[in-house]
Amino acid sequence: MAMRANIFNENFLNEADQDANTVLIELDKGLRSAKIGEQCEAIIRFPKLFEKYPFPILINSSFLKLAELFRIGSNLSRLWILRVCQQSEKHLEKIVNVEEFVKRIFMVIHSNDPVARALTLR
């Protein structure tokens, strides 16, 4: 498993040689990881992706992936997703499926977890 993490890090560090889809696929692998550390590492790399590739389709897809992880993830991943949204505020206007994005985020407001609800309201 340590080998997989190293490959993930090396692939992302060499992103200058990669196109946007390849980088997004690598980040998606990190988001789908069972390890919370790999998920958080992938989450915090999204602002760099948005700056390098400010394409509306890529940003829309990325934010929908983050919203889905916000819905099903842990409070730690929710906190990092909140920080990514705050850091990438200027890219939020490029989200095409705003209703779907908000719906996925807002589902957490019905949680029994007060921390999750608080993160949703922020």
PDB file of N, CA and C in Angstrom:
ATOM      1  N   MET A   1       0.811  -1.195   0.000  1.00  0.00           N
ATOM      2  CA  MET A   1       0.000   0.000   0.000  1.00  0.00           C
ATOM      3  C   MET A   1       0.856   1.262   0.000  1.00  0.00           C
ATOM      4  N   ALA A   2       2.007   1.216   0.652  1.00  0.00           N
ATOM      5  CA  ALA A   2       2.886   2.381   0.655  1.00  0.00           C
ATOM      6  C   ALA A   2       3.355   2.672  -0.764  1.00  0.00           C
ATOM      7  N   MET A   3       3.502   1.625  -1.550  1.00  0.00           N
ATOM      8  CA  MET A   3       3.919   1.800  -2.936  1.00  0.00           C
ATOM      9  C   MET A   3       2.873   2.582  -3.711  1.00  0.00           C
ATOM     10  N   ARG A   4       1.596   2.314  -3.443  1.00  0.00           N
ATOM     11  CA  ARG A   4       0.523   3.028  -4.137  1.00  0.00           C
ATOM     12  C   ARG A   4       0.545   4.509  -3.790  1.00  0.00           C
ATOM     13  N   ALA A   5       0.782   4.828  -2.519  1.00  0.00           N
ATOM     14  CA  ALA A   5       0.838   6.222  -2.097  1.00  0.00           C
ATOM     15  C   ALA A   5       2.006   6.929  -2.767  1.00  0.00           C
ATOM     16  N   ASN A   6       3.145   6.244  -2.866  1.00  0.00           N
ATOM     17  CA  ASN A   6       4.295   6.850  -3.514  1.00  0.00           C
ATOM     18  C   ASN A   6       4.030   7.095  -4.991  1.00  0.00           C
ATOM     19  N   ILE A   7       3.378   6.162  -5.643  1.00  0.00           N
ATOM     20  CA  ILE A   7       3.035   6.335  -7.055  1.00  0.00           C
ATOM     21  C   ILE A   7       2.087   7.512  -7.216  1.00  0.00           C
ATOM     22  N   PHE A   8       1.114   7.626  -6.313  1.00  0.00           N
ATOM     23  CA  PHE A   8       0.169   8.742  -6.353  1.00  0.00           C
ATOM     24  C   PHE A   8       0.913  10.067  -6.234  1.00  0.00           C
ATOM     25  N   ASN A   9       1.831  10.162  -5.291  1.00  0.00           N
ATOM     26  CA  ASN A   9       2.591  11.391  -5.086  1.00  0.00           C
ATOM     27  C   ASN A   9       3.469  11.705  -6.288  1.00  0.00           C
ATOM     28  N   GLU A  10       4.163  10.698  -6.802  1.00  0.00           N
ATOM     29  CA  GLU A  10       5.048  10.913  -7.935  1.00  0.00           C
ATOM     30  C   GLU A  10       4.268  11.338  -9.170  1.00  0.00           C
ATOM     31  N   ASN A  11       3.127  10.706  -9.405  1.00  0.00           N
ATOM     32  CA  ASN A  11       2.320  11.062 -10.566  1.00  0.00           C
ATOM     33  C   ASN A  11       1.834  12.490 -10.472  1.00  0.00           C
ATOM     34  N   PHE A  12       1.425  12.907  -9.286  1.00  0.00           N
ATOM     35  CA  PHE A  12       0.917  14.265  -9.164  1.00  0.00           C
ATOM     36  C   PHE A  12       2.044  15.277  -9.262  1.00  0.00           C
ATOM     37  N   LEU A  13       3.214  14.948  -8.733  1.00  0.00           N
ATOM     38  CA  LEU A  13       4.330  15.881  -8.787  1.00  0.00           C
ATOM     39  C   LEU A  13       4.803  16.100 -10.216  1.00  0.00           C
ATOM     40  N   ASN A  14       4.574  15.141 -11.084  1.00  0.00           N
ATOM     41  CA  ASN A  14       4.969  15.267 -12.482  1.00  0.00           C
ATOM     42  C   ASN A  14       3.827  15.786 -13.347  1.00  0.00           C
ATOM     43  N   GLU A  15       2.877  16.477 -12.736  1.00  0.00           N
ATOM     44  CA  GLU A  15       1.700  16.915 -13.470  1.00  0.00           C
ATOM     45  C   GLU A  15       2.011  17.921 -14.571  1.00  0.00           C
ATOM     46  N   ALA A  16       3.175  18.552 -14.533  1.00  0.00           N
ATOM     47  CA  ALA A  16       3.529  19.506 -15.578  1.00  0.00           C
ATOM     48  C   ALA A  16       3.553  18.815 -16.938  1.00  0.00           C
ATOM     49  N   ASP A  17       3.831  17.522 -16.918  1.00  0.00           N
ATOM     50  CA  ASP A  17       3.891  16.755 -18.156  1.00  0.00           C
ATOM     51  C   ASP A  17       2.558  16.114 -18.515  1.00  0.00           C
ATOM     52  N   GLN A  18       1.535  16.302 -17.663  1.00  0.00           N
ATOM     53  CA  GLN A  18       0.265  15.618 -17.858  1.00  0.00           C
ATOM     54  C   GLN A  18      -0.816  16.598 -18.287  1.00  0.00           C
ATOM     55  N   ASP A  19      -1.844  16.051 -18.919  1.00  0.00           N
ATOM     56  CA  ASP A  19      -2.987  16.884 -19.259  1.00  0.00           C
ATOM     57  C   ASP A  19      -3.972  16.885 -18.095  1.00  0.00           C
ATOM     58  N   ALA A  20      -4.987  17.716 -18.201  1.00  0.00           N
ATOM     59  CA  ALA A  20      -5.951  17.901 -17.113  1.00  0.00           C
ATOM     60  C   ALA A  20      -6.679  16.608 -16.767  1.00  0.00           C
ATOM     61  N   ASN A  21      -7.045  15.824 -17.769  1.00  0.00           N
ATOM     62  CA  ASN A  21      -7.783  14.581 -17.504  1.00  0.00           C
ATOM     63  C   ASN A  21      -6.948  13.573 -16.730  1.00  0.00           C
ATOM     64  N   THR A  22      -5.680  13.468 -17.056  1.00  0.00           N
ATOM     65  CA  THR A  22      -4.803  12.537 -16.353  1.00  0.00           C
ATOM     66  C   THR A  22      -4.660  12.932 -14.892  1.00  0.00           C
ATOM     67  N   VAL A  23      -4.479  14.223 -14.644  1.00  0.00           N
ATOM     68  CA  VAL A  23      -4.349  14.704 -13.267  1.00  0.00           C
ATOM     69  C   VAL A  23      -5.646  14.462 -12.510  1.00  0.00           C
ATOM     70  N   LEU A  24      -6.789  14.726 -13.151  1.00  0.00           N
ATOM     71  CA  LEU A  24      -8.080  14.513 -12.499  1.00  0.00           C
ATOM     72  C   LEU A  24      -8.299  13.035 -12.171  1.00  0.00           C
ATOM     73  N   ILE A  25      -7.879  12.149 -13.045  1.00  0.00           N
ATOM     74  CA  ILE A  25      -7.998  10.710 -12.791  1.00  0.00           C
ATOM     75  C   ILE A  25      -7.161  10.321 -11.574  1.00  0.00           C
ATOM     76  N   GLU A  26      -5.952  10.863 -11.474  1.00  0.00           N
ATOM     77  CA  GLU A  26      -5.101  10.572 -10.313  1.00  0.00           C
ATOM     78  C   GLU A  26      -5.745  11.076  -9.025  1.00  0.00           C
ATOM     79  N   LEU A  27      -6.310  12.275  -9.069  1.00  0.00           N
ATOM     80  CA  LEU A  27      -6.966  12.822  -7.881  1.00  0.00           C
ATOM     81  C   LEU A  27      -8.210  12.015  -7.526  1.00  0.00           C
ATOM     82  N   ASP A  28      -8.936  11.562  -8.539  1.00  0.00           N
ATOM     83  CA  ASP A  28     -10.128  10.753  -8.292  1.00  0.00           C
ATOM     84  C   ASP A  28      -9.761   9.438  -7.603  1.00  0.00           C
ATOM     85  N   LYS A  29      -8.636   8.851  -7.996  1.00  0.00           N
ATOM     86  CA  LYS A  29      -8.165   7.633  -7.322  1.00  0.00           C
ATOM     87  C   LYS A  29      -7.919   7.921  -5.844  1.00  0.00           C
ATOM     88  N   GLY A  30      -7.332   9.075  -5.563  1.00  0.00           N
ATOM     89  CA  GLY A  30      -7.091   9.456  -4.172  1.00  0.00           C
ATOM     90  C   GLY A  30      -8.384   9.666  -3.410  1.00  0.00           C
ATOM     91  N   LEU A  31      -9.374  10.278  -4.056  1.00  0.00           N
ATOM     92  CA  LEU A  31     -10.663  10.511  -3.399  1.00  0.00           C
ATOM     93  C   LEU A  31     -11.369   9.201  -3.076  1.00  0.00           C
ATOM     94  N   ARG A  32     -11.202   8.201  -3.934  1.00  0.00           N
ATOM     95  CA  ARG A  32     -11.868   6.913  -3.736  1.00  0.00           C
ATOM     96  C   ARG A  32     -11.098   5.971  -2.818  1.00  0.00           C
ATOM     97  N   SER A  33      -9.938   6.404  -2.364  1.00  0.00           N
ATOM     98  CA  SER A  33      -9.126   5.567  -1.485  1.00  0.00           C
ATOM     99  C   SER A  33      -9.838   5.317  -0.160  1.00  0.00           C
ATOM    100  N   ALA A  34      -9.580   4.167   0.417  1.00  0.00           N
ATOM    101  CA  ALA A  34     -10.150   3.846   1.728  1.00  0.00           C
ATOM    102  C   ALA A  34      -9.391   4.549   2.848  1.00  0.00           C
ATOM    103  N   LYS A  35      -8.199   5.040   2.552  1.00  0.00           N
ATOM    104  CA  LYS A  35      -7.376   5.716   3.557  1.00  0.00           C
ATOM    105  C   LYS A  35      -7.723   7.199   3.591  1.00  0.00           C
ATOM    106  N   ILE A  36      -8.061   7.697   4.771  1.00  0.00           N
ATOM    107  CA  ILE A  36      -8.449   9.099   4.915  1.00  0.00           C
ATOM    108  C   ILE A  36      -7.289  10.036   4.564  1.00  0.00           C
ATOM    109  N   GLY A  37      -6.064   9.610   4.827  1.00  0.00           N
ATOM    110  CA  GLY A  37      -4.900  10.434   4.502  1.00  0.00           C
ATOM    111  C   GLY A  37      -4.766  10.671   3.008  1.00  0.00           C
ATOM    112  N   GLU A  38      -4.978   9.623   2.230  1.00  0.00           N
ATOM    113  CA  GLU A  38      -4.902   9.757   0.774  1.00  0.00           C
ATOM    114  C   GLU A  38      -6.050  10.610   0.249  1.00  0.00           C
ATOM    115  N   GLN A  39      -7.228  10.473   0.863  1.00  0.00           N
ATOM    116  CA  GLN A  39      -8.360  11.309   0.460  1.00  0.00           C
ATOM    117  C   GLN A  39      -8.048  12.783   0.708  1.00  0.00           C
ATOM    118  N   CYS A  40      -7.553  13.082   1.895  1.00  0.00           N
ATOM    119  CA  CYS A  40      -7.245  14.477   2.239  1.00  0.00           C
ATOM    120  C   CYS A  40      -6.140  15.033   1.348  1.00  0.00           C
ATOM    121  N   GLU A  41      -5.155  14.204   1.044  1.00  0.00           N
ATOM    122  CA  GLU A  41      -4.073  14.637   0.169  1.00  0.00           C
ATOM    123  C   GLU A  41      -4.614  14.988  -1.217  1.00  0.00           C
ATOM    124  N   ALA A  42      -5.526  14.183  -1.709  1.00  0.00           N
ATOM    125  CA  ALA A  42      -6.133  14.467  -3.013  1.00  0.00           C
ATOM    126  C   ALA A  42      -6.980  15.736  -2.947  1.00  0.00           C
ATOM    127  N   ILE A  43      -7.740  15.895  -1.869  1.00  0.00           N
ATOM    128  CA  ILE A  43      -8.617  17.066  -1.728  1.00  0.00           C
ATOM    129  C   ILE A  43      -7.816  18.355  -1.778  1.00  0.00           C
ATOM    130  N   ILE A  44      -6.712  18.410  -1.043  1.00  0.00           N
ATOM    131  CA  ILE A  44      -5.970  19.674  -0.954  1.00  0.00           C
ATOM    132  C   ILE A  44      -5.228  20.017  -2.236  1.00  0.00           C
ATOM    133  N   ARG A  45      -5.170  19.102  -3.180  1.00  0.00           N
ATOM    134  CA  ARG A  45      -4.502  19.388  -4.455  1.00  0.00           C
ATOM    135  C   ARG A  45      -5.443  19.996  -5.506  1.00  0.00           C
ATOM    136  N   PHE A  46      -6.732  20.045  -5.202  1.00  0.00           N
ATOM    137  CA  PHE A  46      -7.676  20.578  -6.184  1.00  0.00           C
ATOM    138  C   PHE A  46      -7.470  22.060  -6.502  1.00  0.00           C
ATOM    139  N   PRO A  47      -7.190  22.938  -5.539  1.00  0.00           N
ATOM    140  CA  PRO A  47      -6.983  24.348  -5.914  1.00  0.00           C
ATOM    141  C   PRO A  47      -5.864  24.543  -6.938  1.00  0.00           C
ATOM    142  N   LYS A  48      -4.798  23.756  -6.803  1.00  0.00           N
ATOM    143  CA  LYS A  48      -3.698  23.836  -7.770  1.00  0.00           C
ATOM    144  C   LYS A  48      -4.179  23.395  -9.156  1.00  0.00           C
ATOM    145  N   LEU A  49      -5.014  22.357  -9.185  1.00  0.00           N
ATOM    146  CA  LEU A  49      -5.590  21.883 -10.446  1.00  0.00           C
ATOM    147  C   LEU A  49      -6.443  22.979 -11.082  1.00  0.00           C
ATOM    148  N   PHE A  50      -7.262  23.652 -10.276  1.00  0.00           N
ATOM    149  CA  PHE A  50      -8.136  24.706 -10.791  1.00  0.00           C
ATOM    150  C   PHE A  50      -7.336  25.881 -11.346  1.00  0.00           C
ATOM    151  N   GLU A  51      -6.222  26.204 -10.702  1.00  0.00           N
ATOM    152  CA  GLU A  51      -5.392  27.313 -11.179  1.00  0.00           C
ATOM    153  C   GLU A  51      -4.697  26.959 -12.492  1.00  0.00           C
ATOM    154  N   LYS A  52      -4.245  25.727 -12.577  1.00  0.00           N
ATOM    155  CA  LYS A  52      -3.513  25.313 -13.776  1.00  0.00           C
ATOM    156  C   LYS A  52      -4.441  25.054 -14.966  1.00  0.00           C
ATOM    157  N   TYR A  53      -5.622  24.491 -14.686  1.00  0.00           N
ATOM    158  CA  TYR A  53      -6.573  24.151 -15.744  1.00  0.00           C
ATOM    159  C   TYR A  53      -7.940  24.753 -15.404  1.00  0.00           C
ATOM    160  N   PRO A  54      -8.166  26.027 -15.660  1.00  0.00           N
ATOM    161  CA  PRO A  54      -9.434  26.677 -15.263  1.00  0.00           C
ATOM    162  C   PRO A  54     -10.581  26.453 -16.260  1.00  0.00           C
ATOM    163  N   PHE A  55     -10.752  25.220 -16.697  1.00  0.00           N
ATOM    164  CA  PHE A  55     -11.793  24.900 -17.667  1.00  0.00           C
ATOM    165  C   PHE A  55     -13.101  24.603 -16.944  1.00  0.00           C
ATOM    166  N   PRO A  56     -14.213  25.207 -17.359  1.00  0.00           N
ATOM    167  CA  PRO A  56     -15.492  24.990 -16.669  1.00  0.00           C
ATOM    168  C   PRO A  56     -15.902  23.525 -16.557  1.00  0.00           C
ATOM    169  N   ILE A  57     -15.673  22.728 -17.586  1.00  0.00           N
ATOM    170  CA  ILE A  57     -16.064  21.316 -17.537  1.00  0.00           C
ATOM    171  C   ILE A  57     -15.262  20.582 -16.466  1.00  0.00           C
ATOM    172  N   LEU A  58     -13.974  20.838 -16.403  1.00  0.00           N
ATOM    173  CA  LEU A  58     -13.121  20.203 -15.403  1.00  0.00           C
ATOM    174  C   LEU A  58     -13.493  20.672 -13.998  1.00  0.00           C
ATOM    175  N   ILE A  59     -13.721  21.953 -13.836  1.00  0.00           N
ATOM    176  CA  ILE A  59     -14.075  22.501 -12.524  1.00  0.00           C
ATOM    177  C   ILE A  59     -15.432  21.974 -12.076  1.00  0.00           C
ATOM    178  N   ASN A  60     -16.392  21.922 -12.981  1.00  0.00           N
ATOM    179  CA  ASN A  60     -17.715  21.389 -12.650  1.00  0.00           C
ATOM    180  C   ASN A  60     -17.610  19.935 -12.191  1.00  0.00           C
ATOM    181  N   SER A  61     -16.912  19.128 -12.956  1.00  0.00           N
ATOM    182  CA  SER A  61     -16.745  17.715 -12.614  1.00  0.00           C
ATOM    183  C   SER A  61     -16.029  17.553 -11.274  1.00  0.00           C
ATOM    184  N   SER A  62     -15.004  18.341 -11.059  1.00  0.00           N
ATOM    185  CA  SER A  62     -14.235  18.256  -9.814  1.00  0.00           C
ATOM    186  C   SER A  62     -15.074  18.631  -8.607  1.00  0.00           C
ATOM    187  N   PHE A  63     -15.822  19.723  -8.711  1.00  0.00           N
ATOM    188  CA  PHE A  63     -16.638  20.143  -7.578  1.00  0.00           C
ATOM    189  C   PHE A  63     -17.765  19.150  -7.297  1.00  0.00           C
ATOM    190  N   LEU A  64     -18.297  18.509  -8.325  1.00  0.00           N
ATOM    191  CA  LEU A  64     -19.314  17.481  -8.087  1.00  0.00           C
ATOM    192  C   LEU A  64     -18.716  16.266  -7.374  1.00  0.00           C
ATOM    193  N   LYS A  65     -17.477  15.908  -7.726  1.00  0.00           N
ATOM    194  CA  LYS A  65     -16.795  14.815  -7.023  1.00  0.00           C
ATOM    195  C   LYS A  65     -16.562  15.194  -5.561  1.00  0.00           C
ATOM    196  N   LEU A  66     -16.138  16.431  -5.336  1.00  0.00           N
ATOM    197  CA  LEU A  66     -15.905  16.886  -3.965  1.00  0.00           C
ATOM    198  C   LEU A  66     -17.212  16.944  -3.174  1.00  0.00           C
ATOM    199  N   ALA A  67     -18.286  17.368  -3.831  1.00  0.00           N
ATOM    200  CA  ALA A  67     -19.587  17.430  -3.151  1.00  0.00           C
ATOM    201  C   ALA A  67     -20.067  16.037  -2.765  1.00  0.00           C
ATOM    202  N   GLU A  68     -19.822  15.064  -3.624  1.00  0.00           N
ATOM    203  CA  GLU A  68     -20.209  13.688  -3.301  1.00  0.00           C
ATOM    204  C   GLU A  68     -19.399  13.163  -2.116  1.00  0.00           C
ATOM    205  N   LEU A  69     -18.108  13.462  -2.088  1.00  0.00           N
ATOM    206  CA  LEU A  69     -17.293  13.048  -0.951  1.00  0.00           C
ATOM    207  C   LEU A  69     -17.722  13.796   0.311  1.00  0.00           C
ATOM    208  N   PHE A  70     -18.129  15.054   0.173  1.00  0.00           N
ATOM    209  CA  PHE A  70     -18.641  15.813   1.320  1.00  0.00           C
ATOM    210  C   PHE A  70     -19.865  15.109   1.892  1.00  0.00           C
ATOM    211  N   ARG A  71     -20.710  14.597   1.016  1.00  0.00           N
ATOM    212  CA  ARG A  71     -21.945  13.930   1.441  1.00  0.00           C
ATOM    213  C   ARG A  71     -21.664  12.634   2.190  1.00  0.00           C
ATOM    214  N   ILE A  72     -20.727  11.832   1.700  1.00  0.00           N
ATOM    215  CA  ILE A  72     -20.511  10.500   2.278  1.00  0.00           C
ATOM    216  C   ILE A  72     -19.263  10.407   3.147  1.00  0.00           C
ATOM    217  N   GLY A  73     -18.436  11.437   3.143  1.00  0.00           N
ATOM    218  CA  GLY A  73     -17.146  11.366   3.817  1.00  0.00           C
ATOM    219  C   GLY A  73     -17.189  11.661   5.306  1.00  0.00           C
ATOM    220  N   SER A  74     -16.010  11.723   5.874  1.00  0.00           N
ATOM    221  CA  SER A  74     -15.852  12.013   7.300  1.00  0.00           C
ATOM    222  C   SER A  74     -15.837  13.528   7.515  1.00  0.00           C
ATOM    223  N   ASN A  75     -15.904  13.927   8.771  1.00  0.00           N
ATOM    224  CA  ASN A  75     -15.853  15.355   9.082  1.00  0.00           C
ATOM    225  C   ASN A  75     -14.505  15.963   8.710  1.00  0.00           C
ATOM    226  N   LEU A  76     -13.432  15.179   8.794  1.00  0.00           N
ATOM    227  CA  LEU A  76     -12.124  15.682   8.390  1.00  0.00           C
ATOM    228  C   LEU A  76     -12.107  15.987   6.896  1.00  0.00           C
ATOM    229  N   SER A  77     -12.634  15.080   6.099  1.00  0.00           N
ATOM    230  CA  SER A  77     -12.679  15.338   4.653  1.00  0.00           C
ATOM    231  C   SER A  77     -13.622  16.503   4.349  1.00  0.00           C
ATOM    232  N   ARG A  78     -14.709  16.623   5.095  1.00  0.00           N
ATOM    233  CA  ARG A  78     -15.622  17.764   4.908  1.00  0.00           C
ATOM    234  C   ARG A  78     -14.916  19.080   5.195  1.00  0.00           C
ATOM    235  N   LEU A  79     -14.105  19.106   6.249  1.00  0.00           N
ATOM    236  CA  LEU A  79     -13.369  20.323   6.591  1.00  0.00           C
ATOM    237  C   LEU A  79     -12.415  20.715   5.473  1.00  0.00           C
ATOM    238  N   TRP A  80     -11.691  19.750   4.923  1.00  0.00           N
ATOM    239  CA  TRP A  80     -10.762  20.045   3.834  1.00  0.00           C
ATOM    240  C   TRP A  80     -11.499  20.464   2.566  1.00  0.00           C
ATOM    241  N   ILE A  81     -12.647  19.866   2.307  1.00  0.00           N
ATOM    242  CA  ILE A  81     -13.444  20.270   1.142  1.00  0.00           C
ATOM    243  C   ILE A  81     -13.944  21.694   1.323  1.00  0.00           C
ATOM    244  N   LEU A  82     -14.363  22.044   2.532  1.00  0.00           N
ATOM    245  CA  LEU A  82     -14.769  23.421   2.824  1.00  0.00           C
ATOM    246  C   LEU A  82     -13.620  24.381   2.552  1.00  0.00           C
ATOM    247  N   ARG A  83     -12.422  24.032   2.987  1.00  0.00           N
ATOM    248  CA  ARG A  83     -11.254  24.893   2.755  1.00  0.00           C
ATOM    249  C   ARG A  83     -10.940  25.027   1.271  1.00  0.00           C
ATOM    250  N   VAL A  84     -11.074  23.942   0.524  1.00  0.00           N
ATOM    251  CA  VAL A  84     -10.847  24.005  -0.928  1.00  0.00           C
ATOM    252  C   VAL A  84     -11.862  24.943  -1.574  1.00  0.00           C
ATOM    253  N   CYS A  85     -13.123  24.852  -1.158  1.00  0.00           N
ATOM    254  CA  CYS A  85     -14.156  25.736  -1.708  1.00  0.00           C
ATOM    255  C   CYS A  85     -13.854  27.195  -1.371  1.00  0.00           C
ATOM    256  N   GLN A  86     -13.363  27.445  -0.164  1.00  0.00           N
ATOM    257  CA  GLN A  86     -13.015  28.809   0.220  1.00  0.00           C
ATOM    258  C   GLN A  86     -11.814  29.311  -0.568  1.00  0.00           C
ATOM    259  N   GLN A  87     -10.815  28.466  -0.771  1.00  0.00           N
ATOM    260  CA  GLN A  87      -9.630  28.853  -1.533  1.00  0.00           C
ATOM    261  C   GLN A  87      -9.949  29.056  -3.007  1.00  0.00           C
ATOM    262  N   SER A  88     -10.894  28.316  -3.512  1.00  0.00           N
ATOM    263  CA  SER A  88     -11.217  28.336  -4.941  1.00  0.00           C
ATOM    264  C   SER A  88     -12.504  29.099  -5.210  1.00  0.00           C
ATOM    265  N   GLU A  89     -12.786  30.073  -4.393  1.00  0.00           N
ATOM    266  CA  GLU A  89     -14.051  30.808  -4.491  1.00  0.00           C
ATOM    267  C   GLU A  89     -14.280  31.407  -5.878  1.00  0.00           C
ATOM    268  N   LYS A  90     -13.218  31.885  -6.511  1.00  0.00           N
ATOM    269  CA  LYS A  90     -13.391  32.497  -7.833  1.00  0.00           C
ATOM    270  C   LYS A  90     -13.762  31.476  -8.909  1.00  0.00           C
ATOM    271  N   HIS A  91     -13.540  30.198  -8.635  1.00  0.00           N
ATOM    272  CA  HIS A  91     -13.881  29.158  -9.608  1.00  0.00           C
ATOM    273  C   HIS A  91     -15.290  28.602  -9.400  1.00  0.00           C
ATOM    274  N   LEU A  92     -15.914  28.933  -8.278  1.00  0.00           N
ATOM    275  CA  LEU A  92     -17.260  28.415  -7.998  1.00  0.00           C
ATOM    276  C   LEU A  92     -18.277  28.867  -9.049  1.00  0.00           C
ATOM    277  N   GLU A  93     -18.056  30.029  -9.625  1.00  0.00           N
ATOM    278  CA  GLU A  93     -18.992  30.525 -10.643  1.00  0.00           C
ATOM    279  C   GLU A  93     -18.953  29.698 -11.926  1.00  0.00           C
ATOM    280  N   LYS A  94     -17.952  28.852 -12.068  1.00  0.00           N
ATOM    281  CA  LYS A  94     -17.836  28.016 -13.265  1.00  0.00           C
ATOM    282  C   LYS A  94     -18.590  26.694 -13.134  1.00  0.00           C
ATOM    283  N   ILE A  95     -19.201  26.455 -11.975  1.00  0.00           N
ATOM    284  CA  ILE A  95     -19.981  25.227 -11.791  1.00  0.00           C
ATOM    285  C   ILE A  95     -21.247  25.331 -12.630  1.00  0.00           C
ATOM    286  N   VAL A  96     -21.457  24.377 -13.501  1.00  0.00           N
ATOM    287  CA  VAL A  96     -22.608  24.370 -14.396  1.00  0.00           C
ATOM    288  C   VAL A  96     -23.827  23.769 -13.695  1.00  0.00           C
ATOM    289  N   ASN A  97     -23.636  22.683 -12.986  1.00  0.00           N
ATOM    290  CA  ASN A  97     -24.726  21.977 -12.305  1.00  0.00           C
ATOM    291  C   ASN A  97     -24.831  22.448 -10.857  1.00  0.00           C
ATOM    292  N   VAL A  98     -25.180  23.691 -10.661  1.00  0.00           N
ATOM    293  CA  VAL A  98     -25.240  24.269  -9.317  1.00  0.00           C
ATOM    294  C   VAL A  98     -26.248  23.523  -8.453  1.00  0.00           C
ATOM    295  N   GLU A  99     -27.402  23.189  -9.022  1.00  0.00           N
ATOM    296  CA  GLU A  99     -28.439  22.498  -8.254  1.00  0.00           C
ATOM    297  C   GLU A  99     -27.930  21.164  -7.717  1.00  0.00           C
ATOM    298  N   GLU A 100     -27.252  20.408  -8.557  1.00  0.00           N
ATOM    299  CA  GLU A 100     -26.722  19.104  -8.144  1.00  0.00           C
ATOM    300  C   GLU A 100     -25.640  19.273  -7.078  1.00  0.00           C
ATOM    301  N   PHE A 101     -24.787  20.260  -7.251  1.00  0.00           N
ATOM    302  CA  PHE A 101     -23.730  20.541  -6.278  1.00  0.00           C
ATOM    303  C   PHE A 101     -24.330  20.878  -4.913  1.00  0.00           C
ATOM    304  N   VAL A 102     -25.293  21.789  -4.897  1.00  0.00           N
ATOM    305  CA  VAL A 102     -25.921  22.207  -3.640  1.00  0.00           C
ATOM    306  C   VAL A 102     -26.703  21.053  -3.020  1.00  0.00           C
ATOM    307  N   LYS A 103     -27.377  20.270  -3.847  1.00  0.00           N
ATOM    308  CA  LYS A 103     -28.161  19.137  -3.336  1.00  0.00           C
ATOM    309  C   LYS A 103     -27.267  18.140  -2.597  1.00  0.00           C
ATOM    310  N   ARG A 104     -26.114  17.831  -3.171  1.00  0.00           N
ATOM    311  CA  ARG A 104     -25.203  16.875  -2.536  1.00  0.00           C
ATOM    312  C   ARG A 104     -24.663  17.426  -1.216  1.00  0.00           C
ATOM    313  N   ILE A 105     -24.331  18.701  -1.206  1.00  0.00           N
ATOM    314  CA  ILE A 105     -23.816  19.326   0.017  1.00  0.00           C
ATOM    315  C   ILE A 105     -24.920  19.407   1.067  1.00  0.00           C
ATOM    316  N   PHE A 106     -26.098  19.829   0.643  1.00  0.00           N
ATOM    317  CA  PHE A 106     -27.188  20.099   1.585  1.00  0.00           C
ATOM    318  C   PHE A 106     -27.736  18.833   2.232  1.00  0.00           C
ATOM    319  N   MET A 107     -27.519  17.668   1.626  1.00  0.00           N
ATOM    320  CA  MET A 107     -27.994  16.412   2.219  1.00  0.00           C
ATOM    321  C   MET A 107     -27.401  16.200   3.610  1.00  0.00           C
ATOM    322  N   VAL A 108     -26.228  16.735   3.848  1.00  0.00           N
ATOM    323  CA  VAL A 108     -25.545  16.549   5.131  1.00  0.00           C
ATOM    324  C   VAL A 108     -26.245  17.331   6.243  1.00  0.00           C
ATOM    325  N   ILE A 109     -27.015  18.357   5.898  1.00  0.00           N
ATOM    326  CA  ILE A 109     -27.698  19.170   6.906  1.00  0.00           C
ATOM    327  C   ILE A 109     -28.688  18.332   7.709  1.00  0.00           C
ATOM    328  N   HIS A 110     -29.127  17.214   7.166  1.00  0.00           N
ATOM    329  CA  HIS A 110     -30.077  16.340   7.847  1.00  0.00           C
ATOM    330  C   HIS A 110     -29.386  15.290   8.713  1.00  0.00           C
ATOM    331  N   SER A 111     -28.079  15.375   8.815  1.00  0.00           N
ATOM    332  CA  SER A 111     -27.307  14.422   9.608  1.00  0.00           C
ATOM    333  C   SER A 111     -27.562  14.613  11.100  1.00  0.00           C
ATOM    334  N   ASN A 112     -27.365  13.561  11.864  1.00  0.00           N
ATOM    335  CA  ASN A 112     -27.455  13.649  13.322  1.00  0.00           C
ATOM    336  C   ASN A 112     -26.171  14.206  13.931  1.00  0.00           C
ATOM    337  N   ASP A 113     -25.142  14.342  13.126  1.00  0.00           N
ATOM    338  CA  ASP A 113     -23.843  14.822  13.591  1.00  0.00           C
ATOM    339  C   ASP A 113     -23.820  16.353  13.571  1.00  0.00           C
ATOM    340  N   PRO A 114     -23.717  17.003  14.730  1.00  0.00           N
ATOM    341  CA  PRO A 114     -23.735  18.470  14.761  1.00  0.00           C
ATOM    342  C   PRO A 114     -22.525  19.104  14.075  1.00  0.00           C
ATOM    343  N   VAL A 115     -21.376  18.433  14.099  1.00  0.00           N
ATOM    344  CA  VAL A 115     -20.190  18.967  13.423  1.00  0.00           C
ATOM    345  C   VAL A 115     -20.410  18.955  11.914  1.00  0.00           C
ATOM    346  N   ALA A 116     -20.972  17.875  11.400  1.00  0.00           N
ATOM    347  CA  ALA A 116     -21.257  17.779   9.967  1.00  0.00           C
ATOM    348  C   ALA A 116     -22.245  18.864   9.547  1.00  0.00           C
ATOM    349  N   ARG A 117     -23.265  19.089  10.354  1.00  0.00           N
ATOM    350  CA  ARG A 117     -24.244  20.139  10.039  1.00  0.00           C
ATOM    351  C   ARG A 117     -23.585  21.515  10.062  1.00  0.00           C
ATOM    352  N   ALA A 118     -22.714  21.749  11.038  1.00  0.00           N
ATOM    353  CA  ALA A 118     -22.025  23.041  11.130  1.00  0.00           C
ATOM    354  C   ALA A 118     -21.131  23.275   9.915  1.00  0.00           C
ATOM    355  N   LEU A 119     -20.424  22.239   9.477  1.00  0.00           N
ATOM    356  CA  LEU A 119     -19.579  22.371   8.289  1.00  0.00           C
ATOM    357  C   LEU A 119     -20.417  22.646   7.050  1.00  0.00           C
ATOM    358  N   THR A 120     -21.595  22.066   6.990  1.00  0.00           N
ATOM    359  CA  THR A 120     -22.492  22.292   5.854  1.00  0.00           C
ATOM    360  C   THR A 120     -22.948  23.744   5.808  1.00  0.00           C
ATOM    361  N   LEU A 121     -23.252  24.307   6.953  1.00  0.00           N
ATOM    362  CA  LEU A 121     -23.727  25.692   7.000  1.00  0.00           C
ATOM    363  C   LEU A 121     -22.643  26.699   6.643  1.00  0.00           C
ATOM    364  N   ARG A 122     -21.406  26.333   6.847  1.00  0.00           N
ATOM    365  CA  ARG A 122     -20.320  27.255   6.538  1.00  0.00           C
ATOM    366  C   ARG A 122     -20.108  27.325   5.055  1.00  0.00           C
TER     367      ARG A 122
END
